[in-house]
Amino acid sequence: MNGKKVLYQEKEYILIHKYETGYCELKTLDSFLYKLVHESELVFLE
């Protein structure tokens, strides 16, 4: 699952890690900004 592109708040991110709690660590495509969001808020693009 790691490395997949996802959509969160109309922006593309790369999924870095999915935790057992359902939260996912995301990284922006063009910089090193990270976010932690629940998978229910994501749209998987791949």
C-alpha atoms as a PDB file:
ATOM      1  CA  MET A   1       0.000   0.000   0.000  1.00  0.00           C
ATOM      2  CA  ASN A   2       2.919   2.364   0.608  1.00  0.00           C
ATOM      3  CA  GLY A   3       3.810   4.685  -2.264  1.00  0.00           C
ATOM      4  CA  LYS A   4       0.278   4.863  -3.686  1.00  0.00           C
ATOM      5  CA  LYS A   5      -1.199   8.164  -4.761  1.00  0.00           C
ATOM      6  CA  VAL A   6      -4.235   9.369  -2.846  1.00  0.00           C
ATOM      7  CA  LEU A   7      -6.510  12.389  -2.959  1.00  0.00           C
ATOM      8  CA  TYR A   8      -7.111  14.364   0.238  1.00  0.00           C
ATOM      9  CA  GLN A   9      -8.968  17.699   0.259  1.00  0.00           C
ATOM     10  CA  GLU A  10      -8.684  17.892  -3.554  1.00  0.00           C
ATOM     11  CA  LYS A  11      -4.849  17.568  -3.503  1.00  0.00           C
ATOM     12  CA  GLU A  12      -2.679  14.601  -4.442  1.00  0.00           C
ATOM     13  CA  TYR A  13      -0.426  12.997  -1.853  1.00  0.00           C
ATOM     14  CA  ILE A  14       1.726   9.882  -1.599  1.00  0.00           C
ATOM     15  CA  LEU A  15       0.783   7.364   1.061  1.00  0.00           C
ATOM     16  CA  ILE A  16       3.845   6.713   3.223  1.00  0.00           C
ATOM     17  CA  HIS A  17       2.427   4.423   5.907  1.00  0.00           C
ATOM     18  CA  LYS A  18      -0.924   3.070   7.060  1.00  0.00           C
ATOM     19  CA  TYR A  19      -1.230   2.386  10.789  1.00  0.00           C
ATOM     20  CA  GLU A  20      -3.373  -0.322  12.404  1.00  0.00           C
ATOM     21  CA  THR A  21      -5.645   2.409  13.775  1.00  0.00           C
ATOM     22  CA  GLY A  22      -6.673   3.352  10.226  1.00  0.00           C
ATOM     23  CA  TYR A  23      -4.645   6.552  10.136  1.00  0.00           C
ATOM     24  CA  CYS A  24      -2.361   7.174   7.180  1.00  0.00           C
ATOM     25  CA  GLU A  25       0.802   9.207   6.906  1.00  0.00           C
ATOM     26  CA  LEU A  26       0.820  11.263   3.702  1.00  0.00           C
ATOM     27  CA  LYS A  27       3.544  13.243   1.943  1.00  0.00           C
ATOM     28  CA  THR A  28       2.982  16.022  -0.565  1.00  0.00           C
ATOM     29  CA  LEU A  29       4.204  15.420  -4.113  1.00  0.00           C
ATOM     30  CA  ASP A  30       6.345  18.541  -4.421  1.00  0.00           C
ATOM     31  CA  SER A  31       7.781  19.082  -0.922  1.00  0.00           C
ATOM     32  CA  PHE A  32       8.476  17.377   2.363  1.00  0.00           C
ATOM     33  CA  LEU A  33       5.267  18.266   4.166  1.00  0.00           C
ATOM     34  CA  TYR A  34       3.570  15.395   5.965  1.00  0.00           C
ATOM     35  CA  LYS A  35       0.001  14.888   7.166  1.00  0.00           C
ATOM     36  CA  LEU A  36      -1.659  12.289   9.350  1.00  0.00           C
ATOM     37  CA  VAL A  37      -5.279  11.623   8.340  1.00  0.00           C
ATOM     38  CA  HIS A  38      -7.777   8.795   8.658  1.00  0.00           C
ATOM     39  CA  GLU A  39      -8.148   6.536   5.619  1.00  0.00           C
ATOM     40  CA  SER A  40     -11.897   7.281   5.506  1.00  0.00           C
ATOM     41  CA  GLU A  41     -10.986  10.804   4.324  1.00  0.00           C
ATOM     42  CA  LEU A  42      -8.893   9.545   1.379  1.00  0.00           C
ATOM     43  CA  VAL A  43      -9.661   8.640  -2.221  1.00  0.00           C
ATOM     44  CA  PHE A  44      -7.192   6.078  -3.573  1.00  0.00           C
ATOM     45  CA  LEU A  45      -6.117   6.966  -7.123  1.00  0.00           C
ATOM     46  CA  GLU A  46      -4.209   3.785  -8.018  1.00  0.00           C
END
